[in-house]
């Protein structure tokens, strides 16, 4: 579930000349000590998402650095408002053995989202084989990684690092680039800090890094939490993996399929909705979602494909998210 997110985040932002930005990750001063350990410097705050984007099963480390004396503005319904000068860092890595996630790992890339006066800019930094440094590569790249899954079986992924322009396919709303993950619903959960466990929104508010945080906040469930209601799990899953494109202001707005959680239960969410222009991506099927019949639902068909002309999402993954497909399959079967 964790691989897919890496592609989507980078390519979407407006292009800026690379010489303006540091050529090495270490030049940002985000981390202290051995760079690969990702120990944040003063003024750099880690964060987590309750239901993260799937990125070919990659694990992720996330950090935010705010400009001195400034704070994030809380928003209950969408991504927070960040001041100019903010940097969001996201590192993608694979544990060599999923059964021992604290053991050895292979770090693939770190993406920096830099909030410039002209807007957000995405910068891909690729880690060297020695795992001592990451270097700016505006053209992106690919790298083969091997690891063992939870069953001890060896897995191979041809990990794709997007170029600076590809992320506009996911991060653009009304022609404006924006981050995807940091929001109330995704961050209204406890995280372990140096002083102990604390709700992230409470911590950001208490430390004066976020303004306007109310006592009552919305919250997503984790889509991997099998004890949660399947409808809530699906809303969280489709919102993070699909809604950044499939919304009235996103790159897939012409499809008329809107997978933002706020459209749940409407025709726009796909129920008995005919595709607008799916081409062969429809697989000859007639509706995005057919109640009780995942095999007749385009949504399930496209998620379960690796064909570049069919698969959805079309960026950010190279393999099928088996657990995500299973969740959508069970949800569609449960609809009457």
Foldseek 3Di string as FASTA:
>chain_A
DAAQPQWQFAQQADDDPPVVDDFWPVVVVQADDQVLVRHGDPQKAWAFFQAAAHRAPWDKTKIKHAPPPAAWEADQAFAIRGDQAMKIKMWTKAAQEQLCNPDDIGTAWIWIWHQHPVATWIWIWGADPVRRITGTDQQWAWDWDWHAYPVRDIDIDGRTRHHRNSNSQQQDFLNHGDGHTHHQQTQQDWDQDPVGIDRPVVVCVVVVRYPDDDPDHHYQHHLVPPVDDLLSSQLSRCQNQPQSAQDCGHVVNVQLQHSHSVCPPHVSVWEQDATDDLVCLQVPAGTQAYALDLVRHSVLVQLQDQPCSHHPPNHRYNHHPVVSSVSVNVVSNPGD
